[in-house]
Protein backbone atom coordinates (compact mmCIF):
# COMPACT_ATOMS: atom_id res chain seq x y z
CA UNK A 1 94.69 107.71 90.18
CA UNK A 2 91.29 106.04 89.39
CA UNK A 3 89.89 103.51 91.84
CA UNK A 4 87.59 100.68 90.81
CA UNK A 5 86.11 97.98 93.13
CA UNK A 6 85.61 95.08 90.69
CA UNK A 7 87.31 92.91 88.12
CA UNK A 8 84.73 93.55 85.40
CA UNK A 9 85.71 92.21 81.99
CA UNK A 10 86.69 95.10 79.66
CA UNK A 11 87.46 97.42 82.62
CA UNK A 12 90.20 98.99 80.68
CA UNK A 13 91.49 98.70 77.13
CA UNK A 14 94.91 100.14 77.78
CA UNK A 15 97.84 97.80 77.81
CA UNK A 16 99.02 97.58 81.51
CA UNK A 17 101.86 96.87 83.80
CA UNK A 18 100.31 95.37 86.88
CA UNK A 19 101.46 94.68 90.35
CA UNK A 20 99.29 93.01 92.97
CA UNK A 21 99.37 92.17 96.65
CA UNK A 22 97.68 92.78 100.08
CA UNK A 23 99.77 95.95 100.68
CA UNK A 24 98.87 96.19 104.32
CA UNK A 25 101.03 98.95 105.71
CA UNK A 26 102.34 99.98 102.26
CA UNK A 27 105.80 99.59 103.78
CA UNK A 28 109.15 100.15 101.95
CA UNK A 29 108.95 96.79 100.23
CA UNK A 30 105.47 97.53 98.90
CA UNK A 31 106.59 100.88 97.81
CA UNK A 32 109.52 99.53 95.92
CA UNK A 33 107.22 97.04 94.08
CA UNK A 34 104.57 99.68 93.13
CA UNK A 35 107.32 102.16 92.11
CA UNK A 36 108.81 99.48 89.83
CA UNK A 37 105.50 98.85 88.08
CA UNK A 38 104.84 102.63 87.78
CA UNK A 39 108.34 103.24 86.25
CA UNK A 40 108.09 100.34 83.86
CA UNK A 41 104.63 101.51 82.64
CA UNK A 42 105.96 104.99 82.10
CA UNK A 43 108.94 103.75 80.13
CA UNK A 44 106.76 101.57 77.99
CA UNK A 45 103.98 104.12 77.50
CA UNK A 46 101.52 101.85 79.26
CA UNK A 47 99.06 102.12 82.11
CA UNK A 48 100.28 101.26 85.62
CA UNK A 49 97.78 99.16 87.60
CA UNK A 50 97.81 98.09 91.22
CA UNK A 51 95.49 95.38 92.38
CA UNK A 52 94.62 94.72 96.04
CA UNK A 53 91.81 92.99 97.86
CA UNK A 54 89.04 93.82 100.33
CA UNK A 55 88.52 92.44 102.76
CA UNK A 56 92.10 91.48 103.65
CA UNK A 57 92.45 87.87 102.30
CA UNK A 58 93.28 86.59 105.85
CA UNK A 59 89.79 87.38 106.93
CA UNK A 60 88.53 84.69 104.50
CA UNK A 61 91.51 82.29 104.55
CA UNK A 62 91.88 82.28 108.37
CA UNK A 63 88.54 83.52 109.74
CA UNK A 64 89.35 81.98 113.19
CA UNK A 65 92.33 84.53 113.73
CA UNK A 66 91.61 88.11 114.58
CA UNK A 67 92.80 90.58 112.02
CA UNK A 68 95.57 92.96 113.00
CA UNK A 69 95.80 95.50 110.21
CA UNK A 70 98.45 98.20 109.81
CA UNK A 71 96.21 100.23 107.58
CA UNK A 72 92.51 100.55 106.90
CA UNK A 73 91.34 100.39 103.26
CA UNK A 74 91.05 104.12 103.26
CA UNK A 75 94.64 104.53 104.42
CA UNK A 76 95.88 101.97 101.91
CA UNK A 77 94.17 103.87 99.04
CA UNK A 78 95.61 107.16 100.12
CA UNK A 79 99.20 105.72 100.41
CA UNK A 80 99.02 103.81 97.12
CA UNK A 81 97.75 106.97 95.41
CA UNK A 82 100.78 108.88 96.60
CA UNK A 83 103.03 106.54 94.64
CA UNK A 84 101.39 107.56 91.42
CA UNK A 85 99.83 104.58 89.67
CA UNK A 86 97.24 105.19 87.00
CA UNK A 87 94.55 102.69 88.33
CA UNK A 88 93.95 100.97 91.56
CA UNK A 89 91.69 97.85 91.50
CA UNK A 90 90.25 96.98 94.86
CA UNK A 91 88.90 93.46 94.06
CA UNK A 92 86.53 91.64 96.38
CA UNK A 93 88.13 88.62 98.17
CA UNK A 94 85.52 85.93 98.84
CA UNK A 95 85.47 82.24 99.50
CA UNK A 96 85.19 81.78 95.74
CA UNK A 97 88.28 83.89 95.30
CA UNK A 98 90.18 81.74 97.77
CA UNK A 99 89.24 78.62 95.90
CA UNK A 100 90.12 79.95 92.40
CA UNK A 101 93.18 78.62 90.73
CA UNK A 102 95.95 81.08 89.94
CA UNK A 103 95.60 80.52 86.15
CA UNK A 104 91.81 81.15 86.35
CA UNK A 105 92.22 84.21 88.44
CA UNK A 106 94.90 85.64 86.07
CA UNK A 107 92.45 85.00 83.24
CA UNK A 108 89.93 87.19 85.06
CA UNK A 109 92.49 89.95 85.55
CA UNK A 110 93.59 89.92 81.79
CA UNK A 111 89.92 89.98 80.79
CA UNK A 112 89.67 93.21 82.87
CA UNK A 113 92.81 94.93 81.70
CA UNK A 114 95.31 93.71 79.04
CA UNK A 115 98.43 92.90 81.14
CA UNK A 116 101.63 93.01 79.41
CA UNK A 117 103.89 92.75 82.40
CA UNK A 118 103.32 91.57 86.03
CA UNK A 119 105.56 92.59 88.88
CA UNK A 120 105.36 90.79 92.24
CA UNK A 121 107.59 90.16 95.29
CA UNK A 122 110.06 87.28 95.06
CA UNK A 123 108.04 85.26 97.54
CA UNK A 124 104.61 86.12 96.15
CA UNK A 125 102.04 83.28 95.70
CA UNK A 126 98.40 83.40 94.85
CA UNK A 127 95.49 81.17 93.95
CA UNK A 128 94.08 78.04 95.45
CA UNK A 129 96.73 76.47 97.78
CA UNK A 130 99.03 79.34 96.95
CA UNK A 131 100.08 77.38 93.89
CA UNK A 132 100.67 80.54 91.82
CA UNK A 133 104.29 81.40 92.72
CA UNK A 134 106.69 83.26 90.62
CA UNK A 135 107.60 80.23 88.48
CA UNK A 136 103.89 79.25 87.98
CA UNK A 137 102.97 82.74 87.06
CA UNK A 138 105.75 82.86 84.48
CA UNK A 139 104.21 79.81 82.84
CA UNK A 140 100.77 81.32 82.97
CA UNK A 141 102.09 84.44 81.47
CA UNK A 142 103.41 82.63 78.59
CA UNK A 143 99.99 81.44 77.80
CA UNK A 144 98.22 84.63 78.39
CA UNK A 145 100.80 87.10 76.91
CA UNK A 146 102.48 88.84 79.70
CA UNK A 147 105.94 88.73 81.24
CA UNK A 148 106.64 88.36 84.97
CA UNK A 149 109.25 90.22 86.97
CA UNK A 150 110.14 89.52 90.64
CA UNK A 151 111.26 92.31 92.95
CA UNK A 152 113.71 91.32 95.69
CA UNK A 153 112.94 92.09 99.30
CA UNK A 154 113.94 95.38 100.85
CA UNK A 155 116.38 94.91 103.69
CA UNK A 156 116.62 97.13 106.77
CA UNK A 157 119.45 95.95 108.89
CA UNK A 158 119.92 92.29 108.40
CA UNK A 159 116.25 91.40 107.95
CA UNK A 160 113.63 91.89 105.15
CA UNK A 161 110.87 94.45 105.55
CA UNK A 162 107.47 92.78 106.02
CA UNK A 163 104.10 93.63 107.51
CA UNK A 164 104.62 91.08 110.24
CA UNK A 165 107.97 92.82 111.14
CA UNK A 166 106.18 96.15 111.45
CA UNK A 167 103.58 94.61 113.72
CA UNK A 168 106.28 93.10 115.93
CA UNK A 169 108.06 96.40 116.50
CA UNK A 170 104.74 98.11 117.24
CA UNK A 171 103.92 95.48 119.82
CA UNK A 172 107.13 96.57 121.52
CA UNK A 173 106.27 100.17 121.26
CA UNK A 174 109.35 100.82 119.05
CA UNK A 175 107.70 103.37 116.92
CA UNK A 176 111.08 104.74 115.84
CA UNK A 177 111.87 101.44 114.29
CA UNK A 178 108.46 101.41 112.51
CA UNK A 179 109.52 104.70 110.77
CA UNK A 180 112.53 102.93 109.28
CA UNK A 181 110.42 100.08 107.94
CA UNK A 182 107.49 102.18 106.65
CA UNK A 183 109.50 105.19 105.33
CA UNK A 184 107.01 107.37 107.37
CA UNK A 185 105.71 107.50 110.91
CA UNK A 186 103.10 104.87 111.91
CA UNK A 187 99.65 106.45 112.11
CA UNK A 188 96.04 105.85 112.93
CA UNK A 189 92.93 107.59 111.61
CA UNK A 190 89.89 107.72 113.84
CA UNK A 191 86.80 109.70 114.75
CA UNK A 192 86.92 111.88 117.82
CA UNK A 193 84.24 110.80 120.25
CA UNK A 194 82.94 111.88 123.53
CA UNK A 195 85.11 110.64 126.41
CA UNK A 196 84.70 111.26 130.12
CA UNK A 197 86.08 114.75 129.68
CA UNK A 198 88.50 114.23 132.58
CA UNK A 199 91.40 115.67 130.53
CA UNK A 200 89.70 119.14 130.51
CA UNK A 201 89.34 119.09 134.37
CA UNK A 202 93.07 118.44 134.78
CA UNK A 203 94.17 121.04 132.22
CA UNK A 204 95.07 118.62 129.36
CA UNK A 205 92.04 118.06 127.12
CA UNK A 206 92.36 115.09 124.93
CA UNK A 207 90.76 113.93 121.62
CA UNK A 208 89.47 110.31 122.25
CA UNK A 209 89.61 108.37 119.05
CA UNK A 210 87.28 105.61 117.96
CA UNK A 211 89.60 103.14 116.16
CA UNK A 212 88.54 100.15 114.02
CA UNK A 213 89.14 97.16 116.34
CA UNK A 214 91.07 95.35 113.53
CA UNK A 215 93.62 98.19 113.49
CA UNK A 216 96.99 97.46 115.05
CA UNK A 217 97.85 99.79 118.05
CA UNK A 218 101.38 100.40 119.41
CA UNK A 219 102.22 99.02 122.87
CA UNK A 220 100.45 100.68 125.78
CA UNK A 221 102.29 103.93 126.66
CA UNK A 222 102.73 107.60 125.97
CA UNK A 223 104.01 108.86 122.57
CA UNK A 224 105.18 112.03 120.92
CA UNK A 225 103.94 112.66 117.42
CA UNK A 226 101.50 114.74 115.42
CA UNK A 227 97.69 115.18 115.06
CA UNK A 228 96.64 116.23 111.50
CA UNK A 229 93.86 118.78 111.45
CA UNK A 230 92.75 120.14 108.04
CA UNK A 231 96.08 118.98 106.70
CA UNK A 232 98.19 120.69 109.32
CA UNK A 233 100.57 118.64 111.44
CA UNK A 234 100.13 119.65 115.11
CA UNK A 235 102.53 118.44 117.76
CA UNK A 236 100.89 116.11 120.17
CA UNK A 237 101.19 113.72 123.16
CA UNK A 238 99.21 110.53 122.60
CA UNK A 239 98.33 107.85 125.25
CA UNK A 240 97.49 104.39 124.32
CA UNK A 241 96.19 102.11 127.04
CA UNK A 242 93.82 101.53 129.92
CA UNK A 243 94.43 104.73 131.94
CA UNK A 244 95.11 102.78 135.18
CA UNK A 245 95.10 105.85 137.39
CA UNK A 246 91.39 106.04 136.72
CA UNK A 247 90.74 102.30 136.76
CA UNK A 248 89.99 102.20 133.00
CA UNK A 249 88.52 99.03 131.56
CA UNK A 250 88.91 99.60 127.82
CA UNK A 251 91.93 100.32 125.76
CA UNK A 252 91.73 103.87 124.50
CA UNK A 253 93.72 106.19 122.18
CA UNK A 254 93.74 109.76 123.50
CA UNK A 255 95.74 112.68 121.96
CA UNK A 256 96.49 115.99 123.58
CA UNK A 257 97.41 118.59 121.00
CA UNK A 258 100.20 120.78 122.35
CA UNK A 259 99.56 124.55 122.59
CA UNK A 260 96.32 124.40 120.66
CA UNK A 261 92.64 124.82 121.48
CA UNK A 262 89.68 123.97 119.37
CA UNK A 263 86.66 121.53 119.06
CA UNK A 264 87.53 118.20 117.34
CA UNK A 265 84.38 116.26 118.31
CA UNK A 266 82.89 114.31 115.40
CA UNK A 267 85.87 114.91 113.17
CA UNK A 268 88.08 112.30 111.50
CA UNK A 269 91.75 112.99 112.39
CA UNK A 270 95.02 111.23 111.87
CA UNK A 271 97.51 110.66 114.74
CA UNK A 272 101.05 109.66 114.14
CA UNK A 273 103.74 108.16 116.53
CA UNK A 274 107.29 109.31 116.33
CA UNK A 275 108.82 108.66 119.72
CA UNK A 276 107.85 106.57 122.76
CA UNK A 277 108.17 108.68 125.96
CA UNK A 278 107.35 105.99 128.51
CA UNK A 279 105.23 103.03 129.29
CA UNK A 280 101.72 103.44 130.82
CA UNK A 281 101.79 103.62 134.62
CA UNK A 282 99.46 104.12 137.53
CA UNK A 283 99.86 107.20 139.59
CA UNK A 284 98.81 107.91 143.15
CA UNK A 285 96.25 110.46 142.08
CA UNK A 286 95.40 113.19 139.59
CA UNK A 287 98.14 115.64 140.88
CA UNK A 288 100.92 113.14 140.32
CA UNK A 289 99.43 112.38 136.87
CA UNK A 290 99.20 116.04 135.95
CA UNK A 291 102.86 116.58 136.91
CA UNK A 292 103.92 113.62 134.73
CA UNK A 293 101.83 114.79 131.81
CA UNK A 294 103.54 118.17 132.01
CA UNK A 295 106.87 116.54 131.86
CA UNK A 296 105.67 114.43 128.88
CA UNK A 297 104.54 117.52 127.13
CA UNK A 298 107.82 119.36 127.66
CA UNK A 299 109.79 116.31 126.37
CA UNK A 300 107.48 116.05 123.33
CA UNK A 301 108.06 119.73 122.51
CA UNK A 302 111.81 119.16 122.60
CA UNK A 303 111.67 116.06 120.33
CA UNK A 304 109.23 117.55 117.85
CA UNK A 305 110.88 120.99 117.47
CA UNK A 306 111.32 121.79 113.81
């Protein structure tokens, strides 16, 4: 997959099947949409193109609201690449983009790559005032030479899959439900930074992750999952929270890799969350905490056993 970061006229001469969206989380609904475009392009002998935006449009449309993102741009690119499109356009989203009409923006896209089909979600809307819904895009397509297809929402249980639904289950710490919506465990990527090294003194060294403050975290608590080091999935126990036993003041993400030793400082690692073991709690002292961590580790080994 090629990645470009502009909508330059003449970007590609190959007839294209395009899909576009925010794709935060690249959840099951997003996957179905991208898969549809990829399959249609292959069947027609065309190029499959995915278009997304950076920064996330909400940063420009609602600047007063803090962003809560399920994936960083790096994670989004990696996940989209795994679905097999030929080209990913990461277009800049600015105040000018926000104020551009749907027709004018589609003309920019068609000037960049000759779109023959456009696939969007059934409730998709774009352009100034979100006026470019599916019906409006069909009319624009008749002028500009492309057909429009709408993909129905993916349902899990009785509700559609959406990024807001994923955020809601993570706020409850229901990481097992997030797996059902994402089609994979929820994860975070961060750089391992120097902590207070207290974990080493109590026999459970941890990797303290520096996470982008716009990235969603699951509810405070202790989780079983994996840490990915050099592509290898290592079982781990991860704590998210304030570490109340030690009167912590800042929310942290700390992962203890089970039955492994090594130096992770300065490295970028990925942590995934599969099972919530318990909520965060204050203990009477380090000894009580150590005993509980040992129980957490035993439970995680059991849950993560191949």
